[in-house]
Amino acid sequence: MKLAVVFALVAVAVAEQVPLTTPPVAILRSAQVNPDAFGAHSSDFEAENGIVFQFSGSEGAAGGANMVGSWSYPQEDGSLAEVKFVADENGFQPESSLLPVAPAFPHPIPQFVLDQIEFARLEDERKALEAQQAETTEA
């Protein structure tokens, strides 16, 4: 037990002498506006290391919160990573060159496939019309 206490004291003494490898990051700007009577609110933040986060929002028509904003941070290669977003009744919609994009369709759709799709659409319309006419004749 005494040995564990000695080791703990040595560890504390050594740790006190070790310099911080990542010093604290200064906050350059931090402002918040709490929701007013209409639900409008905002926040603005910037840190010394280049991280920036901004958003503003208000109460949505359906009672939810609507927000628009952005954040950015420096990447290891020196470029700036930026993301803009909208969050509303349609969900969270980010926009950034960092986000993956679906590849283009690899080849044109053959005409016989387009013809089959059109045939199926016409068949569905015909069946719906027949069902509607059947309901009309029953009434």
C-alpha atoms as a PDB file:
ATOM      1  CA  MET A   1       0.000   0.000   0.000  1.00  0.00           C
ATOM      2  CA  LYS A   2       2.831   2.388   0.899  1.00  0.00           C
ATOM      3  CA  LEU A   3       4.437   1.607  -2.433  1.00  0.00           C
ATOM      4  CA  ALA A   4       1.232   2.615  -4.295  1.00  0.00           C
ATOM      5  CA  VAL A   5       1.125   5.943  -2.446  1.00  0.00           C
ATOM      6  CA  VAL A   6       4.778   6.596  -3.280  1.00  0.00           C
ATOM      7  CA  PHE A   7       4.146   5.812  -6.954  1.00  0.00           C
ATOM      8  CA  ALA A   8       1.125   8.138  -6.979  1.00  0.00           C
ATOM      9  CA  LEU A   9       3.166  10.993  -5.471  1.00  0.00           C
ATOM     10  CA  VAL A  10       5.962  10.447  -7.991  1.00  0.00           C
ATOM     11  CA  ALA A  11       3.448  10.403 -10.846  1.00  0.00           C
ATOM     12  CA  VAL A  12       1.940  13.711  -9.706  1.00  0.00           C
ATOM     13  CA  ALA A  13       5.383  15.297  -9.362  1.00  0.00           C
ATOM     14  CA  VAL A  14       6.450  14.143 -12.823  1.00  0.00           C
ATOM     15  CA  ALA A  15       3.161  15.172 -14.428  1.00  0.00           C
ATOM     16  CA  GLU A  16       3.533  18.652 -12.998  1.00  0.00           C
ATOM     17  CA  GLN A  17       6.866  19.046 -14.805  1.00  0.00           C
ATOM     18  CA  VAL A  18       5.594  17.824 -18.213  1.00  0.00           C
ATOM     19  CA  PRO A  19       4.550  20.719 -20.482  1.00  0.00           C
ATOM     20  CA  LEU A  20       1.115  20.694 -22.056  1.00  0.00           C
ATOM     21  CA  THR A  21       1.237  19.239 -25.566  1.00  0.00           C
ATOM     22  CA  THR A  22      -1.977  21.000 -26.548  1.00  0.00           C
ATOM     23  CA  PRO A  23      -2.327  24.349 -24.808  1.00  0.00           C
ATOM     24  CA  PRO A  24      -5.815  25.703 -24.097  1.00  0.00           C
ATOM     25  CA  VAL A  25      -7.582  27.395 -27.009  1.00  0.00           C
ATOM     26  CA  ALA A  26      -8.714  30.965 -26.478  1.00  0.00           C
ATOM     27  CA  ILE A  27     -12.314  31.899 -27.229  1.00  0.00           C
ATOM     28  CA  LEU A  28     -12.265  34.974 -29.486  1.00  0.00           C
ATOM     29  CA  ARG A  29     -16.004  35.499 -29.755  1.00  0.00           C
ATOM     30  CA  SER A  30     -18.966  33.916 -27.994  1.00  0.00           C
ATOM     31  CA  ALA A  31     -22.373  35.550 -28.180  1.00  0.00           C
ATOM     32  CA  GLN A  32     -25.785  34.059 -27.584  1.00  0.00           C
ATOM     33  CA  VAL A  33     -29.220  35.587 -27.966  1.00  0.00           C
ATOM     34  CA  ASN A  34     -31.816  33.628 -26.025  1.00  0.00           C
ATOM     35  CA  PRO A  35     -35.252  33.043 -27.582  1.00  0.00           C
ATOM     36  CA  ASP A  36     -37.523  36.060 -27.586  1.00  0.00           C
ATOM     37  CA  ALA A  37     -41.335  36.054 -27.556  1.00  0.00           C
ATOM     38  CA  PHE A  38     -41.371  34.834 -31.163  1.00  0.00           C
ATOM     39  CA  GLY A  39     -38.740  32.134 -30.595  1.00  0.00           C
ATOM     40  CA  ALA A  40     -35.971  33.988 -32.454  1.00  0.00           C
ATOM     41  CA  HIS A  41     -32.512  33.073 -31.169  1.00  0.00           C
ATOM     42  CA  SER A  42     -28.898  32.980 -32.336  1.00  0.00           C
ATOM     43  CA  SER A  43     -25.381  32.001 -31.392  1.00  0.00           C
ATOM     44  CA  ASP A  44     -22.000  33.080 -32.678  1.00  0.00           C
ATOM     45  CA  PHE A  45     -18.711  31.433 -31.659  1.00  0.00           C
ATOM     46  CA  GLU A  46     -15.104  31.690 -32.800  1.00  0.00           C
ATOM     47  CA  ALA A  47     -12.013  30.093 -31.285  1.00  0.00           C
ATOM     48  CA  GLU A  48      -8.355  30.986 -31.665  1.00  0.00           C
ATOM     49  CA  ASN A  49      -7.680  27.731 -33.541  1.00  0.00           C
ATOM     50  CA  GLY A  50      -9.991  28.754 -36.409  1.00  0.00           C
ATOM     51  CA  ILE A  51     -13.176  26.953 -35.395  1.00  0.00           C
ATOM     52  CA  VAL A  52     -16.240  29.091 -36.170  1.00  0.00           C
ATOM     53  CA  PHE A  53     -19.889  28.202 -35.491  1.00  0.00           C
ATOM     54  CA  GLN A  54     -22.863  30.461 -36.206  1.00  0.00           C
ATOM     55  CA  PHE A  55     -26.598  29.845 -36.290  1.00  0.00           C
ATOM     56  CA  SER A  56     -29.869  31.662 -35.966  1.00  0.00           C
ATOM     57  CA  GLY A  57     -33.323  30.266 -35.615  1.00  0.00           C
ATOM     58  CA  SER A  58     -36.945  30.894 -34.918  1.00  0.00           C
ATOM     59  CA  GLU A  59     -40.124  28.990 -34.219  1.00  0.00           C
ATOM     60  CA  GLY A  60     -41.440  27.219 -37.297  1.00  0.00           C
ATOM     61  CA  ALA A  61     -44.965  27.367 -38.698  1.00  0.00           C
ATOM     62  CA  ALA A  62     -45.685  23.867 -37.390  1.00  0.00           C
ATOM     63  CA  GLY A  63     -44.304  24.698 -33.934  1.00  0.00           C
ATOM     64  CA  GLY A  64     -40.840  23.202 -34.442  1.00  0.00           C
ATOM     65  CA  ALA A  65     -37.598  25.087 -34.588  1.00  0.00           C
ATOM     66  CA  ASN A  66     -36.205  26.435 -37.854  1.00  0.00           C
ATOM     67  CA  MET A  67     -32.481  27.117 -37.997  1.00  0.00           C
ATOM     68  CA  VAL A  68     -29.886  28.249 -40.504  1.00  0.00           C
ATOM     69  CA  GLY A  69     -26.196  28.334 -39.830  1.00  0.00           C
ATOM     70  CA  SER A  70     -22.709  27.252 -40.625  1.00  0.00           C
ATOM     71  CA  TRP A  71     -19.532  25.972 -39.083  1.00  0.00           C
ATOM     72  CA  SER A  72     -15.979  25.796 -40.286  1.00  0.00           C
ATOM     73  CA  TYR A  73     -12.624  24.582 -39.086  1.00  0.00           C
ATOM     74  CA  PRO A  74      -9.110  24.423 -40.501  1.00  0.00           C
ATOM     75  CA  GLN A  75      -7.977  21.063 -41.806  1.00  0.00           C
ATOM     76  CA  GLU A  76      -4.507  19.590 -41.430  1.00  0.00           C
ATOM     77  CA  ASP A  77      -3.635  20.493 -45.035  1.00  0.00           C
ATOM     78  CA  GLY A  78      -4.374  24.176 -44.340  1.00  0.00           C
ATOM     79  CA  SER A  79      -7.674  24.320 -46.220  1.00  0.00           C
ATOM     80  CA  LEU A  80     -10.878  25.388 -44.506  1.00  0.00           C
ATOM     81  CA  ALA A  81     -13.674  22.868 -44.036  1.00  0.00           C
ATOM     82  CA  GLU A  82     -17.048  24.632 -44.294  1.00  0.00           C
ATOM     83  CA  VAL A  83     -20.575  23.336 -43.760  1.00  0.00           C
ATOM     84  CA  LYS A  84     -23.753  25.389 -44.195  1.00  0.00           C
ATOM     85  CA  PHE A  85     -27.091  24.035 -43.050  1.00  0.00           C
ATOM     86  CA  VAL A  86     -30.813  24.590 -42.849  1.00  0.00           C
ATOM     87  CA  ALA A  87     -32.926  22.700 -40.346  1.00  0.00           C
ATOM     88  CA  ASP A  88     -36.693  23.063 -40.623  1.00  0.00           C
ATOM     89  CA  GLU A  89     -39.879  21.094 -41.269  1.00  0.00           C
ATOM     90  CA  ASN A  90     -38.045  19.357 -44.130  1.00  0.00           C
ATOM     91  CA  GLY A  91     -35.289  18.072 -41.826  1.00  0.00           C
ATOM     92  CA  PHE A  92     -31.582  18.796 -41.578  1.00  0.00           C
ATOM     93  CA  GLN A  93     -30.122  19.859 -44.928  1.00  0.00           C
ATOM     94  CA  PRO A  94     -26.347  20.294 -44.884  1.00  0.00           C
ATOM     95  CA  GLU A  95     -24.417  21.723 -47.820  1.00  0.00           C
ATOM     96  CA  SER A  96     -20.660  21.292 -48.184  1.00  0.00           C
ATOM     97  CA  SER A  97     -18.000  20.209 -50.618  1.00  0.00           C
ATOM     98  CA  LEU A  98     -16.954  17.735 -47.907  1.00  0.00           C
ATOM     99  CA  LEU A  99     -20.150  15.702 -48.218  1.00  0.00           C
ATOM    100  CA  PRO A 100     -20.245  12.726 -50.578  1.00  0.00           C
ATOM    101  CA  VAL A 101     -22.206  13.005 -53.812  1.00  0.00           C
ATOM    102  CA  ALA A 102     -23.960  10.102 -55.494  1.00  0.00           C
ATOM    103  CA  PRO A 103     -22.210   9.075 -58.689  1.00  0.00           C
ATOM    104  CA  ALA A 104     -23.818   9.751 -62.040  1.00  0.00           C
ATOM    105  CA  PHE A 105     -25.768   6.868 -63.546  1.00  0.00           C
ATOM    106  CA  PRO A 106     -23.154   4.776 -65.341  1.00  0.00           C
ATOM    107  CA  HIS A 107     -24.969   4.424 -68.662  1.00  0.00           C
ATOM    108  CA  PRO A 108     -28.069   5.588 -70.523  1.00  0.00           C
ATOM    109  CA  ILE A 109     -31.303   3.728 -69.814  1.00  0.00           C
ATOM    110  CA  PRO A 110     -32.192   1.523 -72.801  1.00  0.00           C
ATOM    111  CA  GLN A 111     -35.347   2.420 -74.702  1.00  0.00           C
ATOM    112  CA  PHE A 112     -37.014  -0.963 -74.034  1.00  0.00           C
ATOM    113  CA  VAL A 113     -36.747  -0.253 -70.278  1.00  0.00           C
ATOM    114  CA  LEU A 114     -38.314   3.183 -70.718  1.00  0.00           C
ATOM    115  CA  ASP A 115     -41.075   1.580 -72.833  1.00  0.00           C
ATOM    116  CA  GLN A 116     -41.764  -0.987 -70.074  1.00  0.00           C
ATOM    117  CA  ILE A 117     -41.951   1.751 -67.431  1.00  0.00           C
ATOM    118  CA  GLU A 118     -44.423   3.701 -69.583  1.00  0.00           C
ATOM    119  CA  PHE A 119     -46.482   0.533 -70.185  1.00  0.00           C
ATOM    120  CA  ALA A 120     -46.686  -0.084 -66.419  1.00  0.00           C
ATOM    121  CA  ARG A 121     -47.754   3.532 -65.812  1.00  0.00           C
ATOM    122  CA  LEU A 122     -50.522   3.280 -68.403  1.00  0.00           C
ATOM    123  CA  GLU A 123     -51.632  -0.073 -66.947  1.00  0.00           C
ATOM    124  CA  ASP A 124     -51.867   1.494 -63.460  1.00  0.00           C
ATOM    125  CA  GLU A 125     -53.922   4.387 -64.848  1.00  0.00           C
ATOM    126  CA  ARG A 126     -56.249   1.964 -66.659  1.00  0.00           C
ATOM    127  CA  LYS A 127     -56.820  -0.104 -63.507  1.00  0.00           C
ATOM    128  CA  ALA A 128     -57.492   3.025 -61.438  1.00  0.00           C
ATOM    129  CA  LEU A 129     -60.012   4.245 -64.025  1.00  0.00           C
ATOM    130  CA  GLU A 130     -61.747   0.837 -64.065  1.00  0.00           C
ATOM    131  CA  ALA A 131     -61.960   0.839 -60.255  1.00  0.00           C
ATOM    132  CA  GLN A 132     -63.386   4.353 -60.291  1.00  0.00           C
ATOM    133  CA  GLN A 133     -65.984   3.388 -62.920  1.00  0.00           C
ATOM    134  CA  ALA A 134     -66.944   0.291 -60.906  1.00  0.00           C
ATOM    135  CA  GLU A 135     -67.556   2.445 -57.823  1.00  0.00           C
ATOM    136  CA  THR A 136     -69.657   4.865 -59.894  1.00  0.00           C
ATOM    137  CA  THR A 137     -71.876   2.122 -61.310  1.00  0.00           C
ATOM    138  CA  GLU A 138     -72.414   0.573 -57.836  1.00  0.00           C
ATOM    139  CA  ALA A 139     -73.615   3.876 -56.378  1.00  0.00           C
END
